[in-house]
Amino acid sequence: MSKIKKTYLIYNSQCDFCTNTARYFNKKLRGRLDILSNRTKKSKTLVPKRMVENLKKDVHLVVDREVYSRGEACHYLAQMLHPSLALLGPFGILLFEIGYVILKKIKKYL
């Protein structure tokens, strides 16, 4: 039996789109995901010191102390909902990175 990993989604709580998306994943993943504002003390303790400044800029996913950022974090989250997405491998990460960059540019219009 595999151990359930502790997973944290660190998001920008001053962005309505980001907050709504974090809440959506929290609801869908029922107890498998904790969401944290990038402004909390706890979020700053979950990432290496060199990454603390990046908390303000991008989304991050922390899984058992391993940190995923931007498109890679989004890809991992999507795999949590739909494990078959793992079949995309590195190509999937690239697709999610492109999608992440586009959404980041247009989110203020959503």
C-alpha atoms as a PDB file:
ATOM      1  CA  MET A   1       0.000   0.000   0.000  1.00  0.00           C
ATOM      2  CA  SER A   2       1.494   3.357  -1.019  1.00  0.00           C
ATOM      3  CA  LYS A   3       1.788   6.171   1.474  1.00  0.00           C
ATOM      4  CA  ILE A   4      -0.311   9.264   0.767  1.00  0.00           C
ATOM      5  CA  LYS A   5       1.969  12.197   0.054  1.00  0.00           C
ATOM      6  CA  LYS A   6       1.437  15.557   1.735  1.00  0.00           C
ATOM      7  CA  THR A   7       0.833  18.052  -1.052  1.00  0.00           C
ATOM      8  CA  TYR A   8       0.637  21.829  -0.801  1.00  0.00           C
ATOM      9  CA  LEU A   9      -0.471  24.232  -3.518  1.00  0.00           C
ATOM     10  CA  ILE A  10       1.024  27.688  -2.963  1.00  0.00           C
ATOM     11  CA  TYR A  11      -0.854  30.332  -4.926  1.00  0.00           C
ATOM     12  CA  ASN A  12      -1.232  34.115  -5.221  1.00  0.00           C
ATOM     13  CA  SER A  13      -4.150  34.930  -2.927  1.00  0.00           C
ATOM     14  CA  GLN A  14      -4.404  38.467  -4.315  1.00  0.00           C
ATOM     15  CA  CYS A  15      -5.390  37.090  -7.729  1.00  0.00           C
ATOM     16  CA  ASP A  16      -9.068  36.097  -8.009  1.00  0.00           C
ATOM     17  CA  PHE A  17      -8.360  33.662 -10.854  1.00  0.00           C
ATOM     18  CA  CYS A  18      -5.578  31.994  -8.836  1.00  0.00           C
ATOM     19  CA  THR A  19      -7.734  31.794  -5.693  1.00  0.00           C
ATOM     20  CA  ASN A  20     -10.684  30.282  -7.568  1.00  0.00           C
ATOM     21  CA  THR A  21      -8.425  27.767  -9.307  1.00  0.00           C
ATOM     22  CA  ALA A  22      -6.795  26.749  -5.997  1.00  0.00           C
ATOM     23  CA  ARG A  23     -10.223  26.270  -4.414  1.00  0.00           C
ATOM     24  CA  TYR A  24     -11.360  24.189  -7.401  1.00  0.00           C
ATOM     25  CA  PHE A  25      -8.408  21.802  -7.046  1.00  0.00           C
ATOM     26  CA  ASN A  26      -8.842  21.680  -3.273  1.00  0.00           C
ATOM     27  CA  LYS A  27     -12.480  20.649  -3.718  1.00  0.00           C
ATOM     28  CA  LYS A  28     -11.758  18.090  -6.456  1.00  0.00           C
ATOM     29  CA  LEU A  29      -8.851  16.498  -4.619  1.00  0.00           C
ATOM     30  CA  ARG A  30     -10.727  16.263  -1.282  1.00  0.00           C
ATOM     31  CA  GLY A  31      -8.111  16.088   1.432  1.00  0.00           C
ATOM     32  CA  ARG A  32      -5.184  15.209  -0.837  1.00  0.00           C
ATOM     33  CA  LEU A  33      -4.200  18.854  -1.240  1.00  0.00           C
ATOM     34  CA  ASP A  34      -3.684  21.769   1.150  1.00  0.00           C
ATOM     35  CA  ILE A  35      -3.859  25.229  -0.366  1.00  0.00           C
ATOM     36  CA  LEU A  36      -1.733  28.038   1.044  1.00  0.00           C
ATOM     37  CA  SER A  37      -1.507  31.704   0.174  1.00  0.00           C
ATOM     38  CA  ASN A  38       1.949  32.737  -0.985  1.00  0.00           C
ATOM     39  CA  ARG A  39       1.827  35.325   1.806  1.00  0.00           C
ATOM     40  CA  THR A  40       1.716  32.873   4.731  1.00  0.00           C
ATOM     41  CA  LYS A  41       4.678  32.037   6.922  1.00  0.00           C
ATOM     42  CA  LYS A  42       4.067  28.337   6.358  1.00  0.00           C
ATOM     43  CA  SER A  43       4.406  28.683   2.573  1.00  0.00           C
ATOM     44  CA  LYS A  44       7.819  30.279   3.062  1.00  0.00           C
ATOM     45  CA  THR A  45       8.991  27.353   5.208  1.00  0.00           C
ATOM     46  CA  LEU A  46       8.024  24.767   2.583  1.00  0.00           C
ATOM     47  CA  VAL A  47      10.389  25.962  -0.147  1.00  0.00           C
ATOM     48  CA  PRO A  48      14.169  26.384  -0.131  1.00  0.00           C
ATOM     49  CA  LYS A  49      15.316  29.884   0.908  1.00  0.00           C
ATOM     50  CA  ARG A  50      16.506  30.625  -2.626  1.00  0.00           C
ATOM     51  CA  MET A  51      12.906  30.206  -3.862  1.00  0.00           C
ATOM     52  CA  VAL A  52      11.084  32.372  -1.303  1.00  0.00           C
ATOM     53  CA  GLU A  53      11.172  35.426  -3.568  1.00  0.00           C
ATOM     54  CA  ASN A  54       9.600  33.372  -6.400  1.00  0.00           C
ATOM     55  CA  LEU A  55       6.541  32.649  -4.241  1.00  0.00           C
ATOM     56  CA  LYS A  56       5.204  36.060  -5.256  1.00  0.00           C
ATOM     57  CA  LYS A  57       5.618  35.398  -8.977  1.00  0.00           C
ATOM     58  CA  ASP A  58       4.410  31.886  -9.728  1.00  0.00           C
ATOM     59  CA  VAL A  59       2.337  28.943  -8.582  1.00  0.00           C
ATOM     60  CA  HIS A  60       4.187  26.212  -6.689  1.00  0.00           C
ATOM     61  CA  LEU A  61       3.336  22.690  -5.666  1.00  0.00           C
ATOM     62  CA  VAL A  62       5.214  21.050  -2.793  1.00  0.00           C
ATOM     63  CA  VAL A  63       5.025  17.261  -2.638  1.00  0.00           C
ATOM     64  CA  ASP A  64       6.923  15.680   0.253  1.00  0.00           C
ATOM     65  CA  ARG A  65       9.395  18.623   0.260  1.00  0.00           C
ATOM     66  CA  GLU A  66       9.970  18.467  -3.515  1.00  0.00           C
ATOM     67  CA  VAL A  67       8.990  21.734  -5.190  1.00  0.00           C
ATOM     68  CA  TYR A  68       7.375  22.016  -8.627  1.00  0.00           C
ATOM     69  CA  SER A  69       6.778  25.436 -10.175  1.00  0.00           C
ATOM     70  CA  ARG A  70       4.770  27.013 -12.979  1.00  0.00           C
ATOM     71  CA  GLY A  71       3.811  24.570 -15.759  1.00  0.00           C
ATOM     72  CA  GLU A  72       5.386  21.615 -13.995  1.00  0.00           C
ATOM     73  CA  ALA A  73       3.202  22.306 -10.937  1.00  0.00           C
ATOM     74  CA  CYS A  74       0.114  22.568 -13.155  1.00  0.00           C
ATOM     75  CA  HIS A  75       1.016  19.313 -14.927  1.00  0.00           C
ATOM     76  CA  TYR A  76       1.433  17.506 -11.599  1.00  0.00           C
ATOM     77  CA  LEU A  77      -1.939  18.847 -10.363  1.00  0.00           C
ATOM     78  CA  ALA A  78      -3.650  17.748 -13.580  1.00  0.00           C
ATOM     79  CA  GLN A  79      -2.140  14.266 -13.160  1.00  0.00           C
ATOM     80  CA  MET A  80      -3.588  14.118  -9.656  1.00  0.00           C
ATOM     81  CA  LEU A  81      -7.040  14.547 -11.243  1.00  0.00           C
ATOM     82  CA  HIS A  82      -6.348  12.479 -14.365  1.00  0.00           C
ATOM     83  CA  PRO A  83      -3.436  10.042 -13.926  1.00  0.00           C
ATOM     84  CA  SER A  84      -3.444   9.185 -17.639  1.00  0.00           C
ATOM     85  CA  LEU A  85      -1.840  12.597 -18.325  1.00  0.00           C
ATOM     86  CA  ALA A  86       1.422  11.097 -17.062  1.00  0.00           C
ATOM     87  CA  LEU A  87       1.674   9.405 -20.448  1.00  0.00           C
ATOM     88  CA  LEU A  88       2.538  12.781 -21.973  1.00  0.00           C
ATOM     89  CA  GLY A  89       5.791  12.849 -20.015  1.00  0.00           C
ATOM     90  CA  PRO A  90       8.098  15.832 -20.667  1.00  0.00           C
ATOM     91  CA  PHE A  91       5.904  16.908 -23.590  1.00  0.00           C
ATOM     92  CA  GLY A  92       3.027  17.334 -21.146  1.00  0.00           C
ATOM     93  CA  ILE A  93       5.151  19.563 -18.925  1.00  0.00           C
ATOM     94  CA  LEU A  94       6.022  21.690 -21.968  1.00  0.00           C
ATOM     95  CA  LEU A  95       2.340  21.990 -22.922  1.00  0.00           C
ATOM     96  CA  PHE A  96       1.374  23.021 -19.401  1.00  0.00           C
ATOM     97  CA  GLU A  97       4.253  25.516 -19.262  1.00  0.00           C
ATOM     98  CA  ILE A  98       3.041  27.153 -22.476  1.00  0.00           C
ATOM     99  CA  GLY A  99      -0.518  27.211 -21.133  1.00  0.00           C
ATOM    100  CA  TYR A 100       0.711  28.636 -17.824  1.00  0.00           C
ATOM    101  CA  VAL A 101       2.573  31.493 -19.522  1.00  0.00           C
ATOM    102  CA  ILE A 102      -0.459  32.346 -21.669  1.00  0.00           C
ATOM    103  CA  LEU A 103      -2.851  32.262 -18.688  1.00  0.00           C
ATOM    104  CA  LYS A 104      -0.492  34.364 -16.620  1.00  0.00           C
ATOM    105  CA  LYS A 105      -0.561  37.040 -19.335  1.00  0.00           C
ATOM    106  CA  ILE A 106      -4.348  37.071 -19.779  1.00  0.00           C
ATOM    107  CA  LYS A 107      -5.664  36.220 -16.291  1.00  0.00           C
ATOM    108  CA  LYS A 108      -6.488  39.838 -15.520  1.00  0.00           C
ATOM    109  CA  TYR A 109      -9.019  39.698 -18.382  1.00  0.00           C
ATOM    110  CA  LEU A 110     -10.704  36.514 -17.139  1.00  0.00           C
END
